[in-house]
C-alpha atoms as a PDB file:
ATOM      1  CA  UNK A   1      35.881  39.529 -18.816  1.00  0.00           C
ATOM      2  CA  UNK A   2      36.988  38.692 -15.346  1.00  0.00           C
ATOM      3  CA  UNK A   3      33.819  40.350 -13.661  1.00  0.00           C
ATOM      4  CA  UNK A   4      31.669  37.944 -15.909  1.00  0.00           C
ATOM      5  CA  UNK A   5      33.263  34.986 -14.746  1.00  0.00           C
ATOM      6  CA  UNK A   6      33.337  36.237 -11.047  1.00  0.00           C
ATOM      7  CA  UNK A   7      29.400  36.095 -11.202  1.00  0.00           C
ATOM      8  CA  UNK A   8      29.234  32.942 -13.375  1.00  0.00           C
ATOM      9  CA  UNK A   9      31.432  31.166 -10.776  1.00  0.00           C
ATOM     10  CA  UNK A  10      28.816  32.560  -7.609  1.00  0.00           C
ATOM     11  CA  UNK A  11      25.842  31.897  -9.261  1.00  0.00           C
ATOM     12  CA  UNK A  12      26.921  28.239 -10.084  1.00  0.00           C
ATOM     13  CA  UNK A  13      28.038  27.459  -6.429  1.00  0.00           C
ATOM     14  CA  UNK A  14      24.340  28.894  -5.318  1.00  0.00           C
ATOM     15  CA  UNK A  15      23.143  25.978  -7.606  1.00  0.00           C
ATOM     16  CA  UNK A  16      21.886  22.987  -6.034  1.00  0.00           C
ATOM     17  CA  UNK A  17      24.320  20.162  -6.476  1.00  0.00           C
ATOM     18  CA  UNK A  18      22.343  18.251  -8.563  1.00  0.00           C
ATOM     19  CA  UNK A  19      21.558  18.992 -12.394  1.00  0.00           C
ATOM     20  CA  UNK A  20      17.774  17.799 -12.194  1.00  0.00           C
ATOM     21  CA  UNK A  21      15.563  17.204  -9.260  1.00  0.00           C
ATOM     22  CA  UNK A  22      15.824  14.046  -7.177  1.00  0.00           C
ATOM     23  CA  UNK A  23      13.691  11.397  -7.622  1.00  0.00           C
ATOM     24  CA  UNK A  24      10.830  11.492  -5.575  1.00  0.00           C
ATOM     25  CA  UNK A  25       9.373   9.153  -2.890  1.00  0.00           C
ATOM     26  CA  UNK A  26       7.077   6.625  -2.974  1.00  0.00           C
ATOM     27  CA  UNK A  27       5.725   6.095   0.176  1.00  0.00           C
ATOM     28  CA  UNK A  28       3.239   2.491   1.190  1.00  0.00           C
ATOM     29  CA  UNK A  29       0.787   2.930   3.875  1.00  0.00           C
ATOM     30  CA  UNK A  30      -1.003   0.195   5.507  1.00  0.00           C
ATOM     31  CA  UNK A  31      -4.393   0.746   7.747  1.00  0.00           C
ATOM     32  CA  UNK A  32      -7.124  -2.206   8.979  1.00  0.00           C
ATOM     33  CA  UNK A  33      -9.844  -0.960  10.783  1.00  0.00           C
ATOM     34  CA  UNK A  34     -11.551   2.373  11.488  1.00  0.00           C
ATOM     35  CA  UNK A  35     -13.996   3.935  14.156  1.00  0.00           C
ATOM     36  CA  UNK A  36     -16.216   6.866  13.327  1.00  0.00           C
ATOM     37  CA  UNK A  37     -15.014   9.099  16.484  1.00  0.00           C
ATOM     38  CA  UNK A  38     -13.371   6.954  18.963  1.00  0.00           C
ATOM     39  CA  UNK A  39     -11.720   3.807  19.542  1.00  0.00           C
ATOM     40  CA  UNK A  40     -13.713   0.842  21.366  1.00  0.00           C
ATOM     41  CA  UNK A  41     -12.171  -0.097  24.924  1.00  0.00           C
ATOM     42  CA  UNK A  42     -11.545  -3.489  23.222  1.00  0.00           C
ATOM     43  CA  UNK A  43      -9.579  -1.807  19.933  1.00  0.00           C
ATOM     44  CA  UNK A  44      -6.038  -2.396  19.706  1.00  0.00           C
ATOM     45  CA  UNK A  45      -4.456   1.048  18.415  1.00  0.00           C
ATOM     46  CA  UNK A  46      -1.840  -0.900  16.308  1.00  0.00           C
ATOM     47  CA  UNK A  47      -4.593  -1.938  13.747  1.00  0.00           C
ATOM     48  CA  UNK A  48      -7.379   0.379  14.566  1.00  0.00           C
ATOM     49  CA  UNK A  49      -8.113   4.200  14.161  1.00  0.00           C
ATOM     50  CA  UNK A  50     -10.562   6.398  13.982  1.00  0.00           C
ATOM     51  CA  UNK A  51     -12.059   8.270  10.360  1.00  0.00           C
ATOM     52  CA  UNK A  52     -10.640  11.814  12.137  1.00  0.00           C
ATOM     53  CA  UNK A  53      -7.041  10.326  12.506  1.00  0.00           C
ATOM     54  CA  UNK A  54      -7.186   8.818   8.889  1.00  0.00           C
ATOM     55  CA  UNK A  55      -8.973  11.808   7.652  1.00  0.00           C
ATOM     56  CA  UNK A  56      -5.980  14.176   8.989  1.00  0.00           C
ATOM     57  CA  UNK A  57      -3.173  11.701   8.241  1.00  0.00           C
ATOM     58  CA  UNK A  58      -4.513  12.262   4.491  1.00  0.00           C
ATOM     59  CA  UNK A  59      -4.544  16.130   4.695  1.00  0.00           C
ATOM     60  CA  UNK A  60      -1.359  16.145   6.264  1.00  0.00           C
ATOM     61  CA  UNK A  61       0.170  14.316   3.348  1.00  0.00           C
ATOM     62  CA  UNK A  62      -1.245  16.643   0.844  1.00  0.00           C
ATOM     63  CA  UNK A  63      -0.538  19.545   2.575  1.00  0.00           C
ATOM     64  CA  UNK A  64       3.237  18.484   2.562  1.00  0.00           C
ATOM     65  CA  UNK A  65       3.077  18.170  -1.214  1.00  0.00           C
ATOM     66  CA  UNK A  66       2.512  14.491  -1.483  1.00  0.00           C
ATOM     67  CA  UNK A  67      -0.055  13.040  -4.340  1.00  0.00           C
ATOM     68  CA  UNK A  68      -2.083   9.851  -3.972  1.00  0.00           C
ATOM     69  CA  UNK A  69      -1.296   7.188  -6.190  1.00  0.00           C
ATOM     70  CA  UNK A  70      -2.680   3.539  -6.480  1.00  0.00           C
ATOM     71  CA  UNK A  71      -1.528   0.462  -7.376  1.00  0.00           C
ATOM     72  CA  UNK A  72      -2.200   0.048 -10.562  1.00  0.00           C
ATOM     73  CA  UNK A  73      -1.191   3.147 -11.882  1.00  0.00           C
ATOM     74  CA  UNK A  74       2.276   2.870  -9.672  1.00  0.00           C
ATOM     75  CA  UNK A  75       2.799  -1.063 -11.962  1.00  0.00           C
ATOM     76  CA  UNK A  76       1.937   1.117 -15.264  1.00  0.00           C
ATOM     77  CA  UNK A  77       4.281   4.029 -14.609  1.00  0.00           C
ATOM     78  CA  UNK A  78       1.288   6.453 -14.905  1.00  0.00           C
ATOM     79  CA  UNK A  79       2.637   9.125 -12.366  1.00  0.00           C
ATOM     80  CA  UNK A  80       5.439  11.586 -12.242  1.00  0.00           C
ATOM     81  CA  UNK A  81       8.736   9.946 -11.105  1.00  0.00           C
ATOM     82  CA  UNK A  82      10.076  13.133  -9.671  1.00  0.00           C
ATOM     83  CA  UNK A  83       7.396  13.719  -7.471  1.00  0.00           C
ATOM     84  CA  UNK A  84       6.376  12.745  -3.879  1.00  0.00           C
ATOM     85  CA  UNK A  85       3.403  10.185  -3.749  1.00  0.00           C
ATOM     86  CA  UNK A  86       1.593   7.943  -0.870  1.00  0.00           C
ATOM     87  CA  UNK A  87      -0.367   4.785  -1.614  1.00  0.00           C
ATOM     88  CA  UNK A  88      -2.628   3.667   0.865  1.00  0.00           C
ATOM     89  CA  UNK A  89      -3.334  -0.014   1.313  1.00  0.00           C
ATOM     90  CA  UNK A  90      -5.799  -1.500   3.521  1.00  0.00           C
ATOM     91  CA  UNK A  91      -5.969  -5.108   4.808  1.00  0.00           C
ATOM     92  CA  UNK A  92      -8.571  -7.499   5.901  1.00  0.00           C
ATOM     93  CA  UNK A  93     -11.876  -6.219   4.526  1.00  0.00           C
ATOM     94  CA  UNK A  94     -13.265  -4.798   7.512  1.00  0.00           C
ATOM     95  CA  UNK A  95     -17.426  -3.074   7.112  1.00  0.00           C
ATOM     96  CA  UNK A  96     -15.601  -0.004   7.899  1.00  0.00           C
ATOM     97  CA  UNK A  97     -13.666   0.455   5.152  1.00  0.00           C
ATOM     98  CA  UNK A  98     -16.856   1.073   3.448  1.00  0.00           C
ATOM     99  CA  UNK A  99     -18.621   2.968   6.158  1.00  0.00           C
ATOM    100  CA  UNK A 100     -16.110   5.114   7.224  1.00  0.00           C
ATOM    101  CA  UNK A 101     -12.796   5.342   5.089  1.00  0.00           C
ATOM    102  CA  UNK A 102     -14.717   5.271   1.746  1.00  0.00           C
ATOM    103  CA  UNK A 103     -16.672   8.819   2.187  1.00  0.00           C
ATOM    104  CA  UNK A 104     -13.587  10.387   3.112  1.00  0.00           C
ATOM    105  CA  UNK A 105     -11.873   8.751  -0.093  1.00  0.00           C
ATOM    106  CA  UNK A 106     -14.160  10.327  -2.312  1.00  0.00           C
ATOM    107  CA  UNK A 107     -14.384  13.415  -0.053  1.00  0.00           C
ATOM    108  CA  UNK A 108     -10.417  14.364  -0.195  1.00  0.00           C
ATOM    109  CA  UNK A 109     -10.073  12.387  -3.824  1.00  0.00           C
ATOM    110  CA  UNK A 110      -7.784   9.867  -2.970  1.00  0.00           C
ATOM    111  CA  UNK A 111      -7.073   6.475  -3.681  1.00  0.00           C
ATOM    112  CA  UNK A 112      -6.829   3.147  -1.570  1.00  0.00           C
ATOM    113  CA  UNK A 113      -6.212  -0.598  -2.553  1.00  0.00           C
ATOM    114  CA  UNK A 114      -8.072  -2.871  -0.617  1.00  0.00           C
ATOM    115  CA  UNK A 115      -6.489  -6.815   0.103  1.00  0.00           C
ATOM    116  CA  UNK A 116      -9.475  -8.636   1.344  1.00  0.00           C
ATOM    117  CA  UNK A 117      -9.784 -12.192   2.615  1.00  0.00           C
ATOM    118  CA  UNK A 118     -11.882 -13.261  -0.355  1.00  0.00           C
ATOM    119  CA  UNK A 119     -13.999 -15.741   1.955  1.00  0.00           C
ATOM    120  CA  UNK A 120     -14.190 -13.587   5.097  1.00  0.00           C
ATOM    121  CA  UNK A 121     -17.087 -11.602   3.090  1.00  0.00           C
ATOM    122  CA  UNK A 122     -20.163 -13.298   5.152  1.00  0.00           C
ATOM    123  CA  UNK A 123     -18.614 -12.259   8.562  1.00  0.00           C
ATOM    124  CA  UNK A 124     -20.527  -9.422  10.162  1.00  0.00           C
ATOM    125  CA  UNK A 125     -17.584  -7.241  10.556  1.00  0.00           C
ATOM    126  CA  UNK A 126     -16.597  -7.580   6.724  1.00  0.00           C
ATOM    127  CA  UNK A 127     -17.884  -5.754   3.794  1.00  0.00           C
ATOM    128  CA  UNK A 128     -19.744  -7.527   1.128  1.00  0.00           C
ATOM    129  CA  UNK A 129     -19.208  -8.107  -2.446  1.00  0.00           C
ATOM    130  CA  UNK A 130     -21.910  -5.567  -3.387  1.00  0.00           C
ATOM    131  CA  UNK A 131     -20.317  -2.874  -1.274  1.00  0.00           C
ATOM    132  CA  UNK A 132     -16.550  -3.573  -2.978  1.00  0.00           C
ATOM    133  CA  UNK A 133     -18.529  -2.942  -6.233  1.00  0.00           C
ATOM    134  CA  UNK A 134     -19.899   0.635  -5.245  1.00  0.00           C
ATOM    135  CA  UNK A 135     -16.575   1.387  -4.218  1.00  0.00           C
ATOM    136  CA  UNK A 136     -14.683   0.182  -7.263  1.00  0.00           C
ATOM    137  CA  UNK A 137     -17.510   1.876  -9.535  1.00  0.00           C
ATOM    138  CA  UNK A 138     -16.037   5.294  -7.706  1.00  0.00           C
ATOM    139  CA  UNK A 139     -12.820   4.796  -9.467  1.00  0.00           C
ATOM    140  CA  UNK A 140     -11.116   5.562  -6.132  1.00  0.00           C
ATOM    141  CA  UNK A 141     -10.777   1.822  -4.810  1.00  0.00           C
ATOM    142  CA  UNK A 142      -9.614  -1.591  -6.142  1.00  0.00           C
ATOM    143  CA  UNK A 143      -9.575  -4.240  -4.658  1.00  0.00           C
ATOM    144  CA  UNK A 144      -7.303  -7.344  -4.051  1.00  0.00           C
ATOM    145  CA  UNK A 145      -6.070 -10.491  -2.564  1.00  0.00           C
ATOM    146  CA  UNK A 146      -5.259 -11.358   1.116  1.00  0.00           C
ATOM    147  CA  UNK A 147      -5.894 -14.973   0.664  1.00  0.00           C
ATOM    148  CA  UNK A 148      -9.049 -16.364   1.481  1.00  0.00           C
ATOM    149  CA  UNK A 149      -8.733 -16.342   4.846  1.00  0.00           C
ATOM    150  CA  UNK A 150      -6.036 -14.448   7.103  1.00  0.00           C
ATOM    151  CA  UNK A 151      -3.412 -17.468   7.182  1.00  0.00           C
ATOM    152  CA  UNK A 152       0.167 -17.574   7.876  1.00  0.00           C
ATOM    153  CA  UNK A 153       1.895 -18.736   4.781  1.00  0.00           C
ATOM    154  CA  UNK A 154       4.944 -19.731   6.734  1.00  0.00           C
ATOM    155  CA  UNK A 155       2.633 -22.728   8.076  1.00  0.00           C
ATOM    156  CA  UNK A 156       0.844 -24.003   4.662  1.00  0.00           C
ATOM    157  CA  UNK A 157       3.067 -26.135   2.187  1.00  0.00           C
ATOM    158  CA  UNK A 158       3.843 -24.270  -0.928  1.00  0.00           C
ATOM    159  CA  UNK A 159       1.510 -26.180  -3.018  1.00  0.00           C
ATOM    160  CA  UNK A 160      -1.236 -25.265  -0.812  1.00  0.00           C
ATOM    161  CA  UNK A 161      -0.226 -21.576  -0.726  1.00  0.00           C
ATOM    162  CA  UNK A 162      -0.336 -21.660  -4.397  1.00  0.00           C
ATOM    163  CA  UNK A 163      -3.851 -23.458  -4.823  1.00  0.00           C
ATOM    164  CA  UNK A 164      -5.321 -20.539  -2.065  1.00  0.00           C
ATOM    165  CA  UNK A 165      -3.675 -17.935  -3.738  1.00  0.00           C
ATOM    166  CA  UNK A 166      -5.348 -18.346  -6.813  1.00  0.00           C
ATOM    167  CA  UNK A 167      -8.483 -19.394  -5.389  1.00  0.00           C
ATOM    168  CA  UNK A 168      -9.026 -16.082  -3.808  1.00  0.00           C
ATOM    169  CA  UNK A 169      -7.756 -14.483  -7.276  1.00  0.00           C
ATOM    170  CA  UNK A 170     -10.795 -16.362  -8.692  1.00  0.00           C
ATOM    171  CA  UNK A 171     -12.937 -15.177  -6.247  1.00  0.00           C
ATOM    172  CA  UNK A 172     -12.513 -11.382  -7.194  1.00  0.00           C
ATOM    173  CA  UNK A 173     -12.489 -11.927 -10.777  1.00  0.00           C
ATOM    174  CA  UNK A 174     -15.956 -14.104 -10.315  1.00  0.00           C
ATOM    175  CA  UNK A 175     -17.554 -11.709  -7.852  1.00  0.00           C
ATOM    176  CA  UNK A 176     -15.949  -8.867  -9.135  1.00  0.00           C
ATOM    177  CA  UNK A 177     -14.099  -8.539 -12.474  1.00  0.00           C
ATOM    178  CA  UNK A 178     -11.558  -9.864 -14.055  1.00  0.00           C
ATOM    179  CA  UNK A 179     -10.163  -6.096 -14.638  1.00  0.00           C
ATOM    180  CA  UNK A 180      -7.677  -6.186 -12.046  1.00  0.00           C
ATOM    181  CA  UNK A 181      -3.803  -7.063 -11.646  1.00  0.00           C
ATOM    182  CA  UNK A 182      -3.085 -10.470  -9.595  1.00  0.00           C
ATOM    183  CA  UNK A 183      -1.764  -8.606  -6.371  1.00  0.00           C
ATOM    184  CA  UNK A 184      -1.340 -10.446  -2.861  1.00  0.00           C
ATOM    185  CA  UNK A 185      -0.787  -8.718   0.443  1.00  0.00           C
ATOM    186  CA  UNK A 186       0.704 -11.402   2.943  1.00  0.00           C
ATOM    187  CA  UNK A 187      -1.091 -11.942   6.156  1.00  0.00           C
ATOM    188  CA  UNK A 188       0.398 -11.325   9.320  1.00  0.00           C
ATOM    189  CA  UNK A 189       3.725  -9.921   6.955  1.00  0.00           C
ATOM    190  CA  UNK A 190       4.597 -13.466   6.729  1.00  0.00           C
ATOM    191  CA  UNK A 191       6.617 -14.901   3.628  1.00  0.00           C
ATOM    192  CA  UNK A 192       9.325 -16.626   1.832  1.00  0.00           C
ATOM    193  CA  UNK A 193      11.845 -16.611  -1.327  1.00  0.00           C
ATOM    194  CA  UNK A 194       9.690 -19.717  -2.421  1.00  0.00           C
ATOM    195  CA  UNK A 195       6.426 -17.808  -1.589  1.00  0.00           C
ATOM    196  CA  UNK A 196       7.580 -14.574  -3.715  1.00  0.00           C
ATOM    197  CA  UNK A 197       9.383 -16.557  -6.495  1.00  0.00           C
ATOM    198  CA  UNK A 198       6.210 -18.597  -6.952  1.00  0.00           C
ATOM    199  CA  UNK A 199       3.473 -16.204  -7.284  1.00  0.00           C
ATOM    200  CA  UNK A 200       6.100 -14.039  -9.387  1.00  0.00           C
ATOM    201  CA  UNK A 201       5.966 -16.802 -12.097  1.00  0.00           C
ATOM    202  CA  UNK A 202       2.756 -17.651 -12.069  1.00  0.00           C
ATOM    203  CA  UNK A 203       1.722 -13.802 -12.874  1.00  0.00           C
ATOM    204  CA  UNK A 204       1.749 -11.762  -9.564  1.00  0.00           C
ATOM    205  CA  UNK A 205       2.901  -8.288 -10.290  1.00  0.00           C
ATOM    206  CA  UNK A 206       2.867  -7.208  -6.838  1.00  0.00           C
ATOM    207  CA  UNK A 207       3.347  -9.089  -3.390  1.00  0.00           C
ATOM    208  CA  UNK A 208       2.675  -6.614   0.008  1.00  0.00           C
ATOM    209  CA  UNK A 209       4.659  -7.241   2.590  1.00  0.00           C
ATOM    210  CA  UNK A 210       5.872  -5.363   6.111  1.00  0.00           C
ATOM    211  CA  UNK A 211       9.746  -5.870   6.313  1.00  0.00           C
ATOM    212  CA  UNK A 212      12.684  -7.463   4.558  1.00  0.00           C
ATOM    213  CA  UNK A 213      13.673 -11.168   4.913  1.00  0.00           C
ATOM    214  CA  UNK A 214      16.805 -12.314   5.135  1.00  0.00           C
ATOM    215  CA  UNK A 215      17.346 -15.314   2.410  1.00  0.00           C
ATOM    216  CA  UNK A 216      21.326 -15.742   2.701  1.00  0.00           C
ATOM    217  CA  UNK A 217      21.531 -14.843  -0.842  1.00  0.00           C
ATOM    218  CA  UNK A 218      23.125 -11.085  -1.450  1.00  0.00           C
ATOM    219  CA  UNK A 219      22.448 -11.654  -5.177  1.00  0.00           C
ATOM    220  CA  UNK A 220      18.428 -11.791  -4.775  1.00  0.00           C
ATOM    221  CA  UNK A 221      16.675  -8.666  -4.834  1.00  0.00           C
ATOM    222  CA  UNK A 222      13.169  -8.983  -3.825  1.00  0.00           C
ATOM    223  CA  UNK A 223      11.899  -5.737  -5.697  1.00  0.00           C
ATOM    224  CA  UNK A 224      12.925  -7.816  -8.655  1.00  0.00           C
ATOM    225  CA  UNK A 225       9.715  -9.761  -7.925  1.00  0.00           C
ATOM    226  CA  UNK A 226       7.492  -7.157  -7.227  1.00  0.00           C
ATOM    227  CA  UNK A 227       7.681  -7.027  -3.689  1.00  0.00           C
ATOM    228  CA  UNK A 228       6.626  -3.811  -1.800  1.00  0.00           C
ATOM    229  CA  UNK A 229       7.252  -2.794   1.302  1.00  0.00           C
ATOM    230  CA  UNK A 230       4.805  -0.840   3.586  1.00  0.00           C
ATOM    231  CA  UNK A 231       4.308   0.812   7.154  1.00  0.00           C
ATOM    232  CA  UNK A 232       1.487  -0.244   8.940  1.00  0.00           C
ATOM    233  CA  UNK A 233       0.206   3.653  10.701  1.00  0.00           C
ATOM    234  CA  UNK A 234      -1.158   3.187  14.381  1.00  0.00           C
ATOM    235  CA  UNK A 235      -3.681   5.119  15.401  1.00  0.00           C
ATOM    236  CA  UNK A 236      -0.891   7.077  18.173  1.00  0.00           C
ATOM    237  CA  UNK A 237       1.495   7.745  15.332  1.00  0.00           C
ATOM    238  CA  UNK A 238       2.572  10.919  13.934  1.00  0.00           C
ATOM    239  CA  UNK A 239       2.338  10.585  10.212  1.00  0.00           C
ATOM    240  CA  UNK A 240       5.303  13.099   9.428  1.00  0.00           C
ATOM    241  CA  UNK A 241       7.511  10.644  11.442  1.00  0.00           C
ATOM    242  CA  UNK A 242       6.081   7.410   9.958  1.00  0.00           C
ATOM    243  CA  UNK A 243       6.727   9.323   6.294  1.00  0.00           C
ATOM    244  CA  UNK A 244      10.224  10.162   7.430  1.00  0.00           C
ATOM    245  CA  UNK A 245      11.088   6.521   8.787  1.00  0.00           C
ATOM    246  CA  UNK A 246       9.774   4.927   5.652  1.00  0.00           C
ATOM    247  CA  UNK A 247      11.995   7.021   3.598  1.00  0.00           C
ATOM    248  CA  UNK A 248      15.178   6.265   5.907  1.00  0.00           C
ATOM    249  CA  UNK A 249      14.503   2.678   5.704  1.00  0.00           C
ATOM    250  CA  UNK A 250      13.741   2.184   2.181  1.00  0.00           C
ATOM    251  CA  UNK A 251      15.374   4.736   0.400  1.00  0.00           C
ATOM    252  CA  UNK A 252      18.590   5.449   2.125  1.00  0.00           C
END
């Protein structure tokens, strides 16, 4: 009996300190513009990367055991809460999202959520609504709002901001389909407590930002209003370090 007890104690202390696996991490990444093979001389590596780098980032995350997840499935809870995931978000709606990034998504079978300025599709370096439809029809891409134009919302009156936000939602509904959740990514990452609460109160489920703001109220929790933090992936960044820093910032 004593021998059995000793063996049981040894096994017990050899087990992990938790009874079940800890919750998984969900890392939300942000990209903007892409080049086929190398950056142009005038490109800003903070916001422009290559298809090769993007593909390498994705393959590295998959090799590390991360799974691709989109915002819609995240909202509805269609994922394993104990697994690790990455969510790819892309801002502005550059044509390279369609010509460079999209083929990589199809090849690797990963998702991306693109936030477009809904009135910028006439610009030569932005993709058109026809391109957006093709991407959405693949099942790997969903298009959401980055407002109508790339504006700093902190320079707008709240009523004007709300009018612009819902104008962009209507653009997406009319030109693509109404079968999408209302989500907004803030241009320049600029937002306020008032913009967050106002969008949330009128049905916006997720609001994508780049950092926490000080609202002077310890009881105000941005997550209660669907605010999601994400990290910009620079061309010269190490995706492993990007993920590690994100987890340290938002999970610890």
